[in-house]
């Protein structure tokens, strides 16, 4: 049974944390507080709420009880002091970067990263004097310079499932006085809790596994109360990337079954990865649960299982990848991931398509790479689907 550092079983926190019956109506389910504003009462109380001297809701852009339940649950699952929820994963990531970085700072990243995150760093933050530098785990200890302010990582990475050592990253950051940030979207807190490894801040695209049903957009940031105060002020009060109360209600419902869904995702992902490995037309299957995966030892140490994502690199490049995707029947060709339904996409032309080709090639995001988000359907059906599609792609690759 997976347990958090605090000792309470993960499943219990998933179901119970942040939620209880409504004291006003005695409703068992968390209500949707669909309101833009809240009555402040006295002028003195209103001033105290706005100054942060007392807790309370004033305006739903900055805080709302339904959204607050999401934040409490996310903090409990990740083992953080506090959390802030946002309207999307990119809203969450933007809030972290914009609240903690200043002109002249440098972010050191361990890639590859999701295309939207990399573009934010390279294209937008560079305009305001924030530099970005990509390094490997082996280079990290010697890569910290006088301008370095933050270490940023995904693990496993999007889209080719590299695994970075969270303990190493946290140690280097701590010794250099830096802020460490880990995007835990792929692993989820059920498999990995970066804060337990010393990471300062965790971000999620809650659109993915936390929600789990492909029907909402959301993001969440977890960390110390001090950091979250800064992130809330910039991300909500100033940028306004606010999660809608109805989306928050749906996200709460999804998070309650995270542990159940992740067990099925992980089990099915292994079946699909093993079925594809070594087949004609397959150059590589990227899955951290294989013993010869470069990051297997680290993954085995910092993950309780190996996740629900598999990436397959096909012989024949983009033409073979297109034939594979177009032949799938159960896997739907769509971006995003973490849905109960299986999805597949071509990162080089979608999620990472706006990045320079040389950057993609250097980080292994090739034209033949297909990213598979393994759902919770029957494993036998998913395996049959990918093998049939692979046969078609292989015929295309050899010109049949």
Protein backbone atom coordinates (compact mmCIF):
# COMPACT_ATOMS: atom_id res chain seq x y z
CA UNK A 1 0.00 0.00 0.00
CA UNK A 2 1.48 3.35 -1.04
CA UNK A 3 1.88 5.75 1.88
CA UNK A 4 2.94 9.38 2.09
CA UNK A 5 5.67 10.68 4.35
CA UNK A 6 3.03 11.67 6.90
CA UNK A 7 2.03 8.02 7.22
CA UNK A 8 -1.57 8.10 6.05
CA UNK A 9 -2.28 5.81 3.11
CA UNK A 10 -2.34 7.53 -0.26
CA UNK A 11 -5.77 6.12 -1.11
CA UNK A 12 -7.21 7.67 2.04
CA UNK A 13 -5.77 11.07 1.20
CA UNK A 14 -7.00 10.83 -2.38
CA UNK A 15 -10.55 10.23 -1.23
CA UNK A 16 -10.70 12.34 1.94
CA UNK A 17 -8.13 15.17 1.91
CA UNK A 18 -9.51 18.64 1.41
CA UNK A 19 -13.10 17.46 1.49
CA UNK A 20 -15.78 17.05 4.10
CA UNK A 21 -19.47 17.76 4.38
CA UNK A 22 -20.60 21.35 3.90
CA UNK A 23 -21.26 22.89 7.33
CA UNK A 24 -23.99 25.22 6.04
CA UNK A 25 -26.14 22.70 4.18
CA UNK A 26 -24.63 19.40 5.46
CA UNK A 27 -24.14 18.35 1.81
CA UNK A 28 -21.82 15.35 1.58
CA UNK A 29 -20.23 16.37 -1.75
CA UNK A 30 -18.16 19.54 -1.96
CA UNK A 31 -20.46 22.23 -3.39
CA UNK A 32 -19.69 24.29 -6.48
CA UNK A 33 -19.34 27.81 -5.18
CA UNK A 34 -20.21 29.48 -8.48
CA UNK A 35 -19.71 33.05 -7.39
CA UNK A 36 -17.37 35.82 -8.44
CA UNK A 37 -17.31 37.64 -5.13
CA UNK A 38 -17.93 37.14 -1.41
CA UNK A 39 -19.51 39.44 1.15
CA UNK A 40 -16.76 40.91 3.29
CA UNK A 41 -18.91 41.87 6.24
CA UNK A 42 -17.32 44.76 8.04
CA UNK A 43 -14.84 47.11 6.43
CA UNK A 44 -12.29 46.06 9.02
CA UNK A 45 -12.70 42.37 8.16
CA UNK A 46 -12.47 43.08 4.45
CA UNK A 47 -9.24 44.97 4.92
CA UNK A 48 -7.81 42.13 7.01
CA UNK A 49 -8.69 39.55 4.34
CA UNK A 50 -7.11 41.59 1.56
CA UNK A 51 -3.96 42.21 3.59
CA UNK A 52 -3.65 38.52 4.42
CA UNK A 53 -3.95 39.07 8.16
CA UNK A 54 -6.94 36.71 8.39
CA UNK A 55 -8.11 33.84 6.22
CA UNK A 56 -11.20 34.31 4.12
CA UNK A 57 -12.59 34.57 0.62
CA UNK A 58 -13.00 37.91 -1.07
CA UNK A 59 -12.90 37.39 -4.84
CA UNK A 60 -12.84 34.13 -6.77
CA UNK A 61 -9.93 35.18 -8.94
CA UNK A 62 -7.69 34.75 -5.90
CA UNK A 63 -9.56 32.18 -3.81
CA UNK A 64 -12.75 30.12 -3.86
CA UNK A 65 -13.90 27.31 -1.51
CA UNK A 66 -14.29 24.71 -4.29
CA UNK A 67 -10.89 25.58 -5.70
CA UNK A 68 -9.52 25.59 -2.17
CA UNK A 69 -10.57 21.96 -1.75
CA UNK A 70 -8.52 21.07 -4.86
CA UNK A 71 -5.54 22.89 -3.40
CA UNK A 72 -5.82 21.13 -0.05
CA UNK A 73 -6.09 17.72 -1.72
CA UNK A 74 -3.14 18.38 -4.04
CA UNK A 75 -0.96 19.53 -1.13
CA UNK A 76 -1.89 16.41 0.84
CA UNK A 77 -1.12 14.06 -2.04
CA UNK A 78 2.27 15.64 -2.80
CA UNK A 79 3.23 16.20 0.83
CA UNK A 80 3.57 19.98 0.51
CA UNK A 81 2.61 22.73 2.93
CA UNK A 82 0.31 24.50 0.47
CA UNK A 83 -0.89 24.51 -3.13
CA UNK A 84 -2.33 26.91 -5.67
CA UNK A 85 -4.68 25.79 -8.46
CA UNK A 86 -4.78 27.35 -11.93
CA UNK A 87 -6.84 27.32 -15.10
CA UNK A 88 -4.30 25.19 -16.97
CA UNK A 89 -0.94 23.52 -16.61
CA UNK A 90 0.72 26.34 -18.51
CA UNK A 91 -0.96 28.82 -16.18
CA UNK A 92 0.61 26.98 -13.26
CA UNK A 93 4.06 26.82 -14.88
CA UNK A 94 3.92 30.47 -15.94
CA UNK A 95 3.01 31.54 -12.41
CA UNK A 96 6.01 29.71 -10.94
CA UNK A 97 8.48 31.12 -13.44
CA UNK A 98 7.16 34.67 -13.45
CA UNK A 99 6.82 34.91 -9.68
CA UNK A 100 10.26 33.56 -8.77
CA UNK A 101 12.51 34.78 -11.60
CA UNK A 102 13.85 38.26 -12.30
CA UNK A 103 15.74 39.92 -15.14
CA UNK A 104 19.32 38.64 -15.14
CA UNK A 105 18.41 35.23 -13.72
CA UNK A 106 19.17 31.91 -15.37
CA UNK A 107 17.12 28.70 -15.38
CA UNK A 108 19.04 25.46 -15.77
CA UNK A 109 16.84 22.73 -17.23
CA UNK A 110 17.20 19.00 -17.61
CA UNK A 111 15.36 18.09 -20.77
CA UNK A 112 13.60 17.45 -22.87
CA UNK A 113 10.63 19.50 -21.67
CA UNK A 114 7.06 19.84 -22.89
CA UNK A 115 7.07 22.13 -25.92
CA UNK A 116 4.92 24.80 -24.27
CA UNK A 117 7.25 25.01 -21.27
CA UNK A 118 10.35 25.20 -23.46
CA UNK A 119 8.78 27.94 -25.61
CA UNK A 120 7.84 29.93 -22.52
CA UNK A 121 11.43 29.79 -21.34
CA UNK A 122 13.16 30.35 -24.66
CA UNK A 123 10.77 32.74 -26.40
CA UNK A 124 8.96 34.74 -23.72
CA UNK A 125 11.15 34.89 -20.64
CA UNK A 126 14.20 35.65 -22.77
CA UNK A 127 12.52 38.94 -23.73
CA UNK A 128 12.63 39.95 -20.08
CA UNK A 129 16.25 39.01 -19.49
CA UNK A 130 15.86 35.47 -18.13
CA UNK A 131 18.26 32.97 -19.72
CA UNK A 132 17.74 29.21 -20.12
CA UNK A 133 20.45 26.57 -20.36
CA UNK A 134 19.94 22.83 -20.89
CA UNK A 135 22.32 20.35 -19.21
CA UNK A 136 22.49 16.62 -18.51
CA UNK A 137 22.48 15.00 -15.07
CA UNK A 138 26.21 14.40 -15.44
CA UNK A 139 26.86 18.07 -16.21
CA UNK A 140 24.57 19.46 -13.54
CA UNK A 141 26.93 19.79 -10.58
CA UNK A 142 29.39 21.89 -12.61
CA UNK A 143 26.77 23.87 -14.48
CA UNK A 144 25.69 26.28 -11.76
CA UNK A 145 26.77 29.84 -12.50
CA UNK A 146 26.46 33.19 -10.72
CA UNK A 147 23.17 33.96 -12.51
CA UNK A 148 21.55 30.59 -11.91
CA UNK A 149 18.40 30.94 -9.85
CA UNK A 150 16.34 27.83 -10.63
CA UNK A 151 16.68 24.17 -11.63
CA UNK A 152 13.71 22.87 -13.64
CA UNK A 153 13.01 19.26 -14.58
CA UNK A 154 10.38 16.83 -15.78
CA UNK A 155 10.70 13.20 -14.80
CA UNK A 156 9.81 11.13 -16.71
CA UNK A 157 10.20 13.63 -19.53
CA UNK A 158 7.77 14.56 -22.27
CA UNK A 159 7.79 12.91 -24.79
CA UNK A 160 10.58 10.33 -24.70
CA UNK A 161 10.48 9.33 -21.02
CA UNK A 162 13.96 10.11 -19.82
CA UNK A 163 14.33 9.84 -16.05
CA UNK A 164 16.21 12.45 -14.04
CA UNK A 165 17.51 11.96 -10.50
CA UNK A 166 15.41 14.10 -8.15
CA UNK A 167 17.72 13.54 -5.19
CA UNK A 168 20.68 14.81 -7.20
CA UNK A 169 18.78 17.85 -8.46
CA UNK A 170 17.54 18.73 -4.99
CA UNK A 171 21.01 18.36 -3.49
CA UNK A 172 22.66 20.57 -6.12
CA UNK A 173 19.94 23.19 -5.73
CA UNK A 174 20.15 23.18 -1.95
CA UNK A 175 23.94 23.49 -1.90
CA UNK A 176 23.83 26.40 -4.37
CA UNK A 177 20.85 28.16 -2.78
CA UNK A 178 18.61 27.65 -5.81
CA UNK A 179 14.92 26.89 -6.20
CA UNK A 180 14.23 23.41 -7.61
CA UNK A 181 11.05 22.78 -9.62
CA UNK A 182 9.78 19.41 -10.86
CA UNK A 183 6.94 18.87 -13.30
CA UNK A 184 5.35 15.69 -11.94
CA UNK A 185 2.57 15.40 -14.52
CA UNK A 186 3.73 12.10 -16.04
CA UNK A 187 4.49 10.33 -12.76
CA UNK A 188 1.71 11.79 -10.57
CA UNK A 189 2.04 11.85 -6.77
CA UNK A 190 0.87 8.23 -6.69
CA UNK A 191 4.17 7.11 -8.24
CA UNK A 192 6.60 9.89 -7.26
CA UNK A 193 6.48 12.70 -4.70
CA UNK A 194 9.37 15.06 -5.53
CA UNK A 195 9.07 17.01 -2.28
CA UNK A 196 10.05 13.84 -0.41
CA UNK A 197 13.27 13.89 -2.46
CA UNK A 198 14.02 17.49 -1.49
CA UNK A 199 12.48 19.33 -4.45
CA UNK A 200 11.07 22.74 -3.50
CA UNK A 201 8.14 23.12 -5.89
CA UNK A 202 6.03 20.62 -7.84
CA UNK A 203 3.86 21.53 -10.83
CA UNK A 204 1.15 19.55 -12.59
CA UNK A 205 -0.97 19.87 -15.64
CA UNK A 206 -4.07 18.70 -13.78
CA UNK A 207 -5.71 18.33 -17.18
CA UNK A 208 -3.91 14.99 -17.38
CA UNK A 209 -3.81 12.23 -14.76
CA UNK A 210 -5.12 14.24 -11.80
CA UNK A 211 -8.36 14.84 -13.69
CA UNK A 212 -8.13 11.61 -15.63
CA UNK A 213 -11.15 11.96 -17.89
CA UNK A 214 -10.13 14.41 -20.61
CA UNK A 215 -12.94 16.86 -19.82
CA UNK A 216 -11.30 19.85 -18.15
CA UNK A 217 -8.25 22.11 -18.12
CA UNK A 218 -6.39 22.78 -14.91
CA UNK A 219 -3.02 23.13 -13.25
CA UNK A 220 -1.67 23.04 -9.72
CA UNK A 221 1.52 24.10 -7.93
CA UNK A 222 2.59 22.62 -4.58
CA UNK A 223 5.35 23.70 -2.22
CA UNK A 224 6.11 25.68 0.92
CA UNK A 225 3.60 28.20 2.23
CA UNK A 226 6.14 30.96 1.55
CA UNK A 227 6.63 30.03 -2.10
CA UNK A 228 2.91 29.50 -2.65
CA UNK A 229 2.16 32.99 -1.33
CA UNK A 230 4.36 34.41 -4.10
CA UNK A 231 2.91 32.07 -6.73
CA UNK A 232 -0.68 32.93 -5.78
CA UNK A 233 0.02 36.65 -5.81
CA UNK A 234 1.54 36.62 -9.28
CA UNK A 235 -0.43 33.81 -10.91
CA UNK A 236 -3.88 34.70 -9.65
CA UNK A 237 -3.93 38.26 -8.33
CA UNK A 238 -1.81 39.67 -11.18
CA UNK A 239 -1.98 37.20 -14.10
CA UNK A 240 -5.50 35.93 -13.40
CA UNK A 241 -5.00 32.31 -14.48
CA UNK A 242 -7.89 31.24 -12.24
CA UNK A 243 -9.44 27.77 -12.12
CA UNK A 244 -13.21 27.88 -12.59
CA UNK A 245 -15.21 26.46 -9.63
CA UNK A 246 -17.06 23.98 -11.85
CA UNK A 247 -13.78 22.67 -13.29
CA UNK A 248 -12.47 22.47 -9.72
CA UNK A 249 -15.46 20.32 -8.74
CA UNK A 250 -14.78 17.95 -11.64
CA UNK A 251 -11.08 17.85 -10.79
CA UNK A 252 -11.87 16.92 -7.19
CA UNK A 253 -13.96 14.01 -8.43
CA UNK A 254 -11.14 12.83 -10.70
CA UNK A 255 -8.44 13.07 -8.03
CA UNK A 256 -10.39 10.78 -5.72
CA UNK A 257 -9.76 7.81 -8.03
CA UNK A 258 -6.17 8.64 -9.02
CA UNK A 259 -4.71 5.62 -7.21
CA UNK A 260 -7.16 3.21 -8.85
CA UNK A 261 -6.60 4.58 -12.34
CA UNK A 262 -2.83 4.70 -12.05
CA UNK A 263 -2.63 1.02 -11.20
CA UNK A 264 -4.48 0.20 -14.42
CA UNK A 265 -2.48 2.71 -16.49
CA UNK A 266 0.81 1.23 -15.27
CA UNK A 267 -0.27 -2.35 -15.81
CA UNK A 268 -1.47 -1.67 -19.36
CA UNK A 269 1.58 0.43 -20.25
CA UNK A 270 3.91 -2.45 -19.42
CA UNK A 271 1.85 -4.80 -21.58
CA UNK A 272 1.95 -2.43 -24.56
CA UNK A 273 5.67 -1.66 -24.14
CA UNK A 274 6.57 -5.36 -23.96
CA UNK A 275 4.41 -6.15 -27.00
CA UNK A 276 6.09 -3.49 -29.16
CA UNK A 277 9.66 -4.14 -28.07
CA UNK A 278 11.84 -5.95 -30.59
CA UNK A 279 9.20 -6.01 -33.33
CA UNK A 280 10.18 -5.43 -36.96
CA UNK A 281 9.90 -1.75 -37.79
CA UNK A 282 10.52 -0.60 -34.20
CA UNK A 283 13.79 1.21 -33.59
CA UNK A 284 13.19 1.76 -29.87
CA UNK A 285 10.54 1.56 -27.19
CA UNK A 286 10.99 4.20 -24.49
CA UNK A 287 9.60 2.90 -21.21
CA UNK A 288 11.39 3.40 -17.87
CA UNK A 289 10.31 -0.01 -16.60
CA UNK A 290 12.74 -1.86 -18.88
CA UNK A 291 15.89 -2.91 -17.04
CA UNK A 292 18.08 -1.61 -19.87
CA UNK A 293 16.44 1.84 -19.91
CA UNK A 294 19.21 4.37 -19.07
CA UNK A 295 17.18 5.70 -16.16
CA UNK A 296 15.85 2.40 -14.84
CA UNK A 297 17.85 2.38 -11.60
CA UNK A 298 16.78 5.92 -10.75
CA UNK A 299 13.18 5.21 -11.75
CA UNK A 300 13.09 2.10 -9.57
CA UNK A 301 14.33 4.17 -6.64
CA UNK A 302 12.06 7.20 -6.96
CA UNK A 303 8.92 5.68 -8.53
CA UNK A 304 6.60 3.05 -7.06
CA UNK A 305 5.76 1.93 -10.63
CA UNK A 306 6.81 3.05 -14.09
CA UNK A 307 3.83 5.05 -15.29
CA UNK A 308 1.24 4.96 -18.03
CA UNK A 309 3.25 6.48 -20.89
CA UNK A 310 5.13 4.67 -23.66
CA UNK A 311 6.93 6.21 -26.62
CA UNK A 312 7.80 4.16 -29.68
CA UNK A 313 10.30 5.19 -32.35
CA UNK A 314 9.47 3.72 -35.74
CA UNK A 315 11.70 2.89 -38.67
CA UNK A 316 10.66 5.03 -41.61
CA UNK A 317 10.37 8.38 -39.85
CA UNK A 318 7.34 10.60 -40.19
CA UNK A 319 5.75 8.53 -42.93
CA UNK A 320 5.76 5.43 -40.74
CA UNK A 321 4.56 7.40 -37.72
CA UNK A 322 1.65 8.79 -39.73
CA UNK A 323 0.72 5.34 -41.01
CA UNK A 324 0.85 3.97 -37.46
CA UNK A 325 -1.33 6.76 -36.04
CA UNK A 326 -3.82 6.62 -38.91
CA UNK A 327 -4.23 2.86 -38.47
CA UNK A 328 -5.00 2.88 -34.76
CA UNK A 329 -8.59 2.11 -33.81
CA UNK A 330 -8.76 2.22 -30.01
CA UNK A 331 -6.00 4.79 -29.54
CA UNK A 332 -7.30 8.15 -30.73
CA UNK A 333 -4.94 10.59 -32.44
CA UNK A 334 -5.08 13.49 -30.01
CA UNK A 335 -2.73 15.53 -27.86
CA UNK A 336 -2.89 15.45 -24.08
CA UNK A 337 -2.53 12.35 -21.95
CA UNK A 338 -3.60 10.73 -18.72
CA UNK A 339 -7.15 10.05 -19.93
CA UNK A 340 -8.92 6.81 -19.08
CA UNK A 341 -9.15 6.42 -22.86
CA UNK A 342 -5.94 5.69 -24.77
CA UNK A 343 -4.45 8.50 -26.85
CA UNK A 344 -1.57 8.74 -29.32
CA UNK A 345 0.19 11.68 -30.95
CA UNK A 346 3.18 12.69 -33.08
CA UNK A 347 5.16 15.10 -30.86
CA UNK A 348 7.44 16.44 -33.59
CA UNK A 349 4.45 17.92 -35.44
CA UNK A 350 2.13 18.72 -32.50
CA UNK A 351 3.17 19.21 -28.88
CA UNK A 352 6.79 20.02 -29.79
CA UNK A 353 6.29 21.11 -33.39
CA UNK A 354 7.05 24.80 -32.82
CA UNK A 355 10.53 24.13 -31.43
CA UNK A 356 13.64 24.25 -33.64
CA UNK A 357 14.29 21.00 -35.48
CA UNK A 358 17.91 20.91 -34.33
CA UNK A 359 16.79 21.14 -30.69
CA UNK A 360 14.30 18.31 -31.17
CA UNK A 361 16.83 16.05 -32.84
CA UNK A 362 19.42 16.72 -30.14
CA UNK A 363 16.93 15.70 -27.47
CA UNK A 364 15.67 12.61 -29.27
CA UNK A 365 12.29 13.94 -30.41
CA UNK A 366 12.50 12.40 -33.86
CA UNK A 367 10.09 12.35 -36.78
CA UNK A 368 9.47 8.65 -36.17
CA UNK A 369 8.53 9.07 -32.50
CA UNK A 370 4.95 8.37 -31.43
CA UNK A 371 3.81 9.10 -27.87
CA UNK A 372 1.26 6.69 -26.42
CA UNK A 373 -0.87 7.53 -23.40
CA UNK A 374 -2.09 4.15 -22.26
CA UNK A 375 -5.65 4.13 -20.97
CA UNK A 376 -7.50 1.72 -18.73
CA UNK A 377 -9.17 -0.40 -21.42
CA UNK A 378 -8.43 -4.11 -21.58
CA UNK A 379 -4.71 -4.64 -22.15
CA UNK A 380 -5.34 -7.40 -24.71
CA UNK A 381 -7.34 -5.01 -26.88
CA UNK A 382 -4.74 -2.25 -26.63
CA UNK A 383 -1.92 -4.63 -27.55
CA UNK A 384 -3.86 -5.93 -30.55
CA UNK A 385 -4.49 -2.36 -31.70
CA UNK A 386 -0.86 -1.23 -31.60
CA UNK A 387 0.43 -4.41 -33.24
CA UNK A 388 -2.02 -4.11 -36.11
CA UNK A 389 -1.07 -0.47 -36.60
CA UNK A 390 2.62 -1.39 -36.42
CA UNK A 391 2.17 -3.95 -39.20
CA UNK A 392 0.73 -1.23 -41.41
CA UNK A 393 3.51 1.20 -40.53
CA UNK A 394 6.16 -1.42 -41.25
CA UNK A 395 4.73 -2.07 -44.70
CA UNK A 396 4.89 1.66 -45.40
CA UNK A 397 8.48 1.87 -44.13
CA UNK A 398 9.68 -0.86 -46.51
CA UNK A 399 7.67 0.47 -49.42
CA UNK A 400 5.23 -2.42 -49.56
